[in-house]
C-alpha cells in the first residue's frame, strides 16, 4: 500500500505559481513536462535541472517526438527556460504567452445552385 510522506521528500511550490499553472490551462503533455520540471527542480531545491528531451520522454512514458515538440512550444511560450543546458520554469508567469498560430487560409469554391 502506498503511503507518501513528506519526510521522504516533497516539491515546495509557491501557491501563486501553482495557481498560474492551473489558470493557464495546461493539458496533457505540457502538464507532464511541467510536473517533471517541478519535480527535478523544486523537488531538489534547485532553480534549474540537467535535462534531455529523451530523458523526459522516457521518465514520463511518452513519445520522444511529442515531448520535443511540446517542450519546444513551452520554451517559445516562455513557460520554460534553458540556461547553461539546464531546464527551469519561468517563475514570472506574466511573461507566459502561447505563440500565435498562423491563420489557416480557407479556399472557397463558388458553386452554382441553379
N, C-alpha and C. Protein backbone atom coordinates (compact mmCIF):
# COMPACT_ATOMS: atom_id res chain seq x y z
N UNK A 1 0.85 -1.19 0.00
CA UNK A 1 0.00 0.00 0.00
C UNK A 1 0.89 1.24 0.00
N UNK A 2 0.57 2.17 -0.89
CA UNK A 2 1.32 3.43 -0.97
C UNK A 2 1.06 4.26 0.27
N UNK A 3 2.11 4.92 0.74
CA UNK A 3 1.98 5.77 1.92
C UNK A 3 2.97 6.94 1.81
N UNK A 4 2.71 7.89 0.88
CA UNK A 4 3.63 9.01 0.72
C UNK A 4 3.76 9.85 1.99
N UNK A 5 4.98 10.21 2.31
CA UNK A 5 5.26 11.03 3.48
C UNK A 5 6.18 12.17 3.07
N UNK A 6 5.92 13.37 3.56
CA UNK A 6 6.79 14.50 3.22
C UNK A 6 8.21 14.28 3.74
N UNK A 7 8.36 13.47 4.75
CA UNK A 7 9.69 13.16 5.28
C UNK A 7 10.54 12.46 4.22
N UNK A 8 9.90 11.86 3.24
CA UNK A 8 10.62 11.15 2.17
C UNK A 8 10.88 12.04 0.96
N UNK A 9 10.58 13.33 1.09
CA UNK A 9 10.82 14.29 0.03
C UNK A 9 9.54 14.93 -0.47
N UNK A 10 9.64 16.16 -0.88
CA UNK A 10 8.50 16.89 -1.42
C UNK A 10 9.02 18.02 -2.29
N UNK A 11 8.14 18.57 -3.12
CA UNK A 11 8.49 19.66 -4.02
C UNK A 11 7.70 20.90 -3.62
N UNK A 12 8.32 21.80 -2.87
CA UNK A 12 7.59 23.02 -2.49
C UNK A 12 7.42 23.93 -3.71
N UNK A 13 6.22 24.41 -3.87
CA UNK A 13 5.93 25.32 -4.99
C UNK A 13 5.04 26.45 -4.46
N UNK A 14 5.36 27.65 -4.85
CA UNK A 14 4.59 28.81 -4.39
C UNK A 14 3.15 28.70 -4.89
N UNK A 15 2.22 29.02 -4.02
CA UNK A 15 0.80 28.96 -4.41
C UNK A 15 0.51 29.81 -5.63
N UNK A 16 1.15 30.97 -5.73
CA UNK A 16 0.93 31.86 -6.87
C UNK A 16 1.33 31.18 -8.17
N UNK A 17 2.45 30.46 -8.15
CA UNK A 17 2.89 29.75 -9.35
C UNK A 17 1.97 28.58 -9.66
N UNK A 18 1.56 27.86 -8.65
CA UNK A 18 0.63 26.75 -8.85
C UNK A 18 -0.70 27.26 -9.40
N UNK A 19 -1.19 28.37 -8.87
CA UNK A 19 -2.43 28.98 -9.39
C UNK A 19 -2.27 29.38 -10.85
N UNK A 20 -1.10 29.95 -11.20
CA UNK A 20 -0.86 30.36 -12.58
C UNK A 20 -0.87 29.15 -13.52
N UNK A 21 -0.29 28.05 -13.06
CA UNK A 21 -0.29 26.83 -13.87
C UNK A 21 -1.72 26.34 -14.08
N UNK A 22 -2.53 26.37 -13.03
CA UNK A 22 -3.92 25.94 -13.13
C UNK A 22 -4.70 26.86 -14.08
N UNK A 23 -4.53 28.16 -13.92
CA UNK A 23 -5.30 29.12 -14.71
C UNK A 23 -4.86 29.18 -16.17
N UNK A 24 -3.60 28.86 -16.46
CA UNK A 24 -3.10 28.93 -17.83
C UNK A 24 -3.73 27.85 -18.70
N UNK A 25 -4.19 26.80 -18.07
CA UNK A 25 -4.93 25.77 -18.81
C UNK A 25 -4.06 24.73 -19.50
N UNK A 26 -2.91 24.42 -18.92
CA UNK A 26 -2.07 23.37 -19.50
C UNK A 26 -2.83 22.06 -19.48
N UNK A 27 -2.58 21.25 -20.51
CA UNK A 27 -3.22 19.94 -20.60
C UNK A 27 -2.19 18.93 -21.08
N UNK A 28 -2.47 17.68 -20.88
CA UNK A 28 -1.71 16.59 -21.46
C UNK A 28 -0.21 16.68 -21.32
N UNK A 29 0.46 16.63 -22.46
CA UNK A 29 1.91 16.57 -22.48
C UNK A 29 2.54 17.79 -21.85
N UNK A 30 1.96 18.97 -22.06
CA UNK A 30 2.52 20.18 -21.44
C UNK A 30 2.55 20.03 -19.93
N UNK A 31 1.47 19.53 -19.37
CA UNK A 31 1.39 19.38 -17.92
C UNK A 31 2.38 18.33 -17.43
N UNK A 32 2.53 17.24 -18.15
CA UNK A 32 3.51 16.21 -17.76
C UNK A 32 4.93 16.79 -17.75
N UNK A 33 5.27 17.57 -18.76
CA UNK A 33 6.59 18.18 -18.81
C UNK A 33 6.78 19.13 -17.64
N UNK A 34 5.76 19.96 -17.37
CA UNK A 34 5.85 20.89 -16.24
C UNK A 34 6.02 20.15 -14.92
N UNK A 35 5.27 19.10 -14.71
CA UNK A 35 5.40 18.33 -13.47
C UNK A 35 6.78 17.71 -13.36
N UNK A 36 7.33 17.23 -14.47
CA UNK A 36 8.68 16.68 -14.46
C UNK A 36 9.67 17.75 -14.03
N UNK A 37 9.54 18.96 -14.61
CA UNK A 37 10.46 20.05 -14.28
C UNK A 37 10.31 20.45 -12.81
N UNK A 38 9.09 20.55 -12.32
CA UNK A 38 8.86 20.88 -10.91
C UNK A 38 9.53 19.86 -10.01
N UNK A 39 9.36 18.59 -10.33
CA UNK A 39 9.96 17.53 -9.51
C UNK A 39 11.48 17.61 -9.52
N UNK A 40 12.07 17.86 -10.70
CA UNK A 40 13.53 17.87 -10.83
C UNK A 40 14.17 19.18 -10.35
N UNK A 41 13.38 20.22 -10.22
CA UNK A 41 13.93 21.49 -9.75
C UNK A 41 13.51 21.74 -8.30
N UNK A 42 12.29 22.13 -8.09
CA UNK A 42 11.83 22.46 -6.74
C UNK A 42 11.96 21.27 -5.79
N UNK A 43 11.82 20.06 -6.32
CA UNK A 43 11.94 18.86 -5.50
C UNK A 43 13.34 18.65 -4.97
N UNK A 44 14.31 19.30 -5.58
CA UNK A 44 15.70 19.23 -5.12
C UNK A 44 16.21 20.60 -4.71
N UNK A 45 15.31 21.53 -4.45
CA UNK A 45 15.65 22.91 -4.04
C UNK A 45 16.60 23.57 -5.04
N UNK A 46 16.28 23.40 -6.34
CA UNK A 46 17.08 24.00 -7.41
C UNK A 46 16.18 24.86 -8.29
N UNK A 47 16.81 25.76 -9.02
CA UNK A 47 16.06 26.59 -9.97
C UNK A 47 16.03 25.94 -11.35
N UNK A 48 17.08 25.18 -11.67
CA UNK A 48 17.16 24.50 -12.96
C UNK A 48 17.69 23.09 -12.74
N UNK A 49 17.50 22.25 -13.75
CA UNK A 49 17.97 20.87 -13.67
C UNK A 49 18.52 20.43 -15.01
N UNK A 50 19.50 19.55 -14.98
CA UNK A 50 20.00 18.95 -16.21
C UNK A 50 18.86 18.17 -16.85
N UNK A 51 18.82 18.19 -18.17
CA UNK A 51 17.73 17.51 -18.85
C UNK A 51 18.12 17.12 -20.26
N UNK A 52 17.37 16.23 -20.80
CA UNK A 52 17.35 15.98 -22.24
C UNK A 52 15.91 15.61 -22.54
N UNK A 53 15.45 15.93 -23.73
CA UNK A 53 14.07 15.60 -24.08
C UNK A 53 13.89 14.09 -24.05
N UNK A 54 14.96 13.37 -24.43
CA UNK A 54 14.88 11.90 -24.41
C UNK A 54 14.63 11.40 -22.98
N UNK A 55 15.35 11.97 -22.03
CA UNK A 55 15.19 11.56 -20.63
C UNK A 55 13.77 11.86 -20.13
N UNK A 56 13.28 13.05 -20.45
CA UNK A 56 11.93 13.41 -20.02
C UNK A 56 10.92 12.44 -20.63
N UNK A 57 11.06 12.17 -21.92
CA UNK A 57 10.13 11.25 -22.60
C UNK A 57 10.15 9.89 -21.93
N UNK A 58 11.34 9.40 -21.63
CA UNK A 58 11.47 8.09 -21.00
C UNK A 58 10.83 8.07 -19.62
N UNK A 59 11.07 9.12 -18.83
CA UNK A 59 10.59 9.14 -17.45
C UNK A 59 9.09 9.39 -17.33
N UNK A 60 8.49 10.05 -18.32
CA UNK A 60 7.04 10.26 -18.26
C UNK A 60 6.29 9.26 -19.12
N UNK A 61 7.04 8.39 -19.82
CA UNK A 61 6.41 7.35 -20.62
C UNK A 61 5.70 7.86 -21.86
N UNK A 62 6.31 8.84 -22.52
CA UNK A 62 5.71 9.43 -23.72
C UNK A 62 6.65 9.29 -24.90
N UNK A 63 6.11 9.53 -26.09
CA UNK A 63 6.86 9.51 -27.32
C UNK A 63 7.87 10.66 -27.34
N UNK A 64 9.11 10.36 -27.72
CA UNK A 64 10.18 11.36 -27.74
C UNK A 64 9.83 12.55 -28.63
N UNK A 65 9.31 12.27 -29.83
CA UNK A 65 8.96 13.36 -30.76
C UNK A 65 7.92 14.30 -30.19
N UNK A 66 6.92 13.75 -29.52
CA UNK A 66 5.88 14.58 -28.91
C UNK A 66 6.43 15.44 -27.79
N UNK A 67 7.33 14.87 -26.99
CA UNK A 67 7.94 15.64 -25.90
C UNK A 67 8.78 16.78 -26.47
N UNK A 68 9.53 16.50 -27.51
CA UNK A 68 10.36 17.55 -28.13
C UNK A 68 9.47 18.67 -28.65
N UNK A 69 8.42 18.33 -29.40
CA UNK A 69 7.52 19.36 -29.96
C UNK A 69 6.86 20.18 -28.86
N UNK A 70 6.28 19.50 -27.88
CA UNK A 70 5.56 20.20 -26.82
C UNK A 70 6.52 20.96 -25.89
N UNK A 71 7.69 20.39 -25.65
CA UNK A 71 8.70 21.08 -24.83
C UNK A 71 9.17 22.35 -25.51
N UNK A 72 9.41 22.28 -26.81
CA UNK A 72 9.82 23.48 -27.55
C UNK A 72 8.71 24.53 -27.56
N UNK A 73 7.46 24.08 -27.59
CA UNK A 73 6.35 25.01 -27.53
C UNK A 73 6.35 25.73 -26.17
N UNK A 74 6.63 25.00 -25.09
CA UNK A 74 6.70 25.62 -23.76
C UNK A 74 7.85 26.61 -23.68
N UNK A 75 8.94 26.32 -24.37
CA UNK A 75 10.06 27.27 -24.41
C UNK A 75 9.66 28.53 -25.18
N UNK A 76 9.00 28.37 -26.34
CA UNK A 76 8.55 29.52 -27.12
C UNK A 76 7.53 30.35 -26.36
N UNK A 77 6.72 29.68 -25.55
CA UNK A 77 5.70 30.38 -24.76
C UNK A 77 6.30 31.05 -23.53
N UNK A 78 7.61 30.86 -23.33
CA UNK A 78 8.33 31.43 -22.19
C UNK A 78 7.86 30.87 -20.85
N UNK A 79 7.31 29.65 -20.88
CA UNK A 79 6.92 28.97 -19.66
C UNK A 79 8.14 28.27 -19.07
N UNK A 80 8.95 27.71 -19.95
CA UNK A 80 10.20 27.07 -19.55
C UNK A 80 11.36 27.90 -20.07
N UNK A 81 12.49 27.80 -19.40
CA UNK A 81 13.71 28.48 -19.82
C UNK A 81 14.86 27.49 -19.79
N UNK A 82 15.81 27.70 -20.69
CA UNK A 82 17.03 26.91 -20.68
C UNK A 82 18.18 27.85 -20.40
N UNK A 83 19.01 27.48 -19.43
CA UNK A 83 20.17 28.27 -19.06
C UNK A 83 21.34 27.33 -18.84
N UNK A 84 22.40 27.53 -19.59
CA UNK A 84 23.59 26.68 -19.49
C UNK A 84 23.24 25.20 -19.62
N UNK A 85 22.35 24.89 -20.54
CA UNK A 85 21.98 23.50 -20.78
C UNK A 85 21.08 22.90 -19.72
N UNK A 86 20.53 23.74 -18.86
CA UNK A 86 19.63 23.26 -17.81
C UNK A 86 18.26 23.86 -18.00
N UNK A 87 17.24 23.11 -17.61
CA UNK A 87 15.85 23.49 -17.82
C UNK A 87 15.22 23.96 -16.51
N UNK A 88 14.42 25.01 -16.59
CA UNK A 88 13.71 25.51 -15.42
C UNK A 88 12.40 26.15 -15.83
N UNK A 89 11.63 26.54 -14.83
CA UNK A 89 10.35 27.21 -15.06
C UNK A 89 10.55 28.71 -14.95
N UNK A 90 9.96 29.45 -15.88
CA UNK A 90 9.95 30.91 -15.80
C UNK A 90 8.95 31.26 -14.70
N UNK A 91 9.47 31.66 -13.54
CA UNK A 91 8.57 31.91 -12.41
C UNK A 91 7.72 33.17 -12.59
N UNK A 92 8.17 34.10 -13.43
CA UNK A 92 7.36 35.28 -13.71
C UNK A 92 6.30 34.88 -14.73
N UNK A 93 5.19 34.35 -14.23
CA UNK A 93 4.14 33.82 -15.10
C UNK A 93 3.48 34.88 -15.96
N UNK A 94 3.69 36.15 -15.67
CA UNK A 94 3.13 37.20 -16.51
C UNK A 94 3.80 37.24 -17.88
N UNK A 95 4.94 36.60 -18.02
CA UNK A 95 5.65 36.53 -19.30
C UNK A 95 5.16 35.38 -20.18
N UNK A 96 4.38 34.45 -19.62
CA UNK A 96 3.91 33.29 -20.36
C UNK A 96 2.93 33.72 -21.44
N UNK A 97 3.17 33.33 -22.65
CA UNK A 97 2.26 33.64 -23.77
C UNK A 97 2.35 32.50 -24.77
N UNK A 98 1.20 31.94 -25.16
CA UNK A 98 1.21 30.95 -26.22
C UNK A 98 1.54 31.65 -27.52
N UNK A 99 2.42 31.05 -28.34
CA UNK A 99 2.70 31.67 -29.64
C UNK A 99 1.44 31.68 -30.49
N UNK A 100 1.28 32.74 -31.25
CA UNK A 100 0.11 32.81 -32.13
C UNK A 100 0.32 31.86 -33.28
N UNK A 101 -0.71 31.12 -33.58
CA UNK A 101 -0.67 30.22 -34.71
C UNK A 101 -1.05 30.99 -35.96
N UNK A 102 -0.36 30.68 -37.04
CA UNK A 102 -0.76 31.36 -38.29
C UNK A 102 -2.18 30.97 -38.66
N UNK A 103 -2.90 31.94 -39.16
CA UNK A 103 -4.28 31.66 -39.55
C UNK A 103 -4.28 30.76 -40.77
N UNK A 104 -5.17 29.80 -40.74
CA UNK A 104 -5.30 28.91 -41.88
C UNK A 104 -6.04 29.64 -43.00
N UNK A 105 -5.51 29.48 -44.19
CA UNK A 105 -6.18 30.08 -45.34
C UNK A 105 -7.26 29.11 -45.78
N UNK A 106 -8.42 29.64 -45.95
CA UNK A 106 -9.52 28.80 -46.42
C UNK A 106 -9.77 29.11 -47.88
N UNK A 107 -10.11 28.08 -48.59
CA UNK A 107 -10.42 28.25 -50.01
C UNK A 107 -11.91 28.04 -50.18
N UNK A 108 -12.51 29.01 -50.77
CA UNK A 108 -13.94 28.90 -51.04
C UNK A 108 -14.14 28.61 -52.52
N UNK A 109 -15.05 27.76 -52.77
CA UNK A 109 -15.36 27.44 -54.14
C UNK A 109 -16.80 27.89 -54.40
N UNK A 110 -16.95 28.65 -55.43
CA UNK A 110 -18.31 29.13 -55.76
C UNK A 110 -19.02 28.01 -56.48
N UNK A 111 -20.18 27.69 -55.98
CA UNK A 111 -20.98 26.63 -56.59
C UNK A 111 -22.26 27.25 -57.11
N UNK A 112 -22.56 26.97 -58.37
CA UNK A 112 -23.79 27.48 -58.97
C UNK A 112 -24.93 26.56 -58.52
N UNK A 113 -25.89 27.12 -57.83
CA UNK A 113 -27.00 26.34 -57.33
C UNK A 113 -28.17 26.28 -58.29
N UNK A 114 -28.09 26.97 -59.41
CA UNK A 114 -29.18 26.98 -60.38
C UNK A 114 -29.12 25.81 -61.31
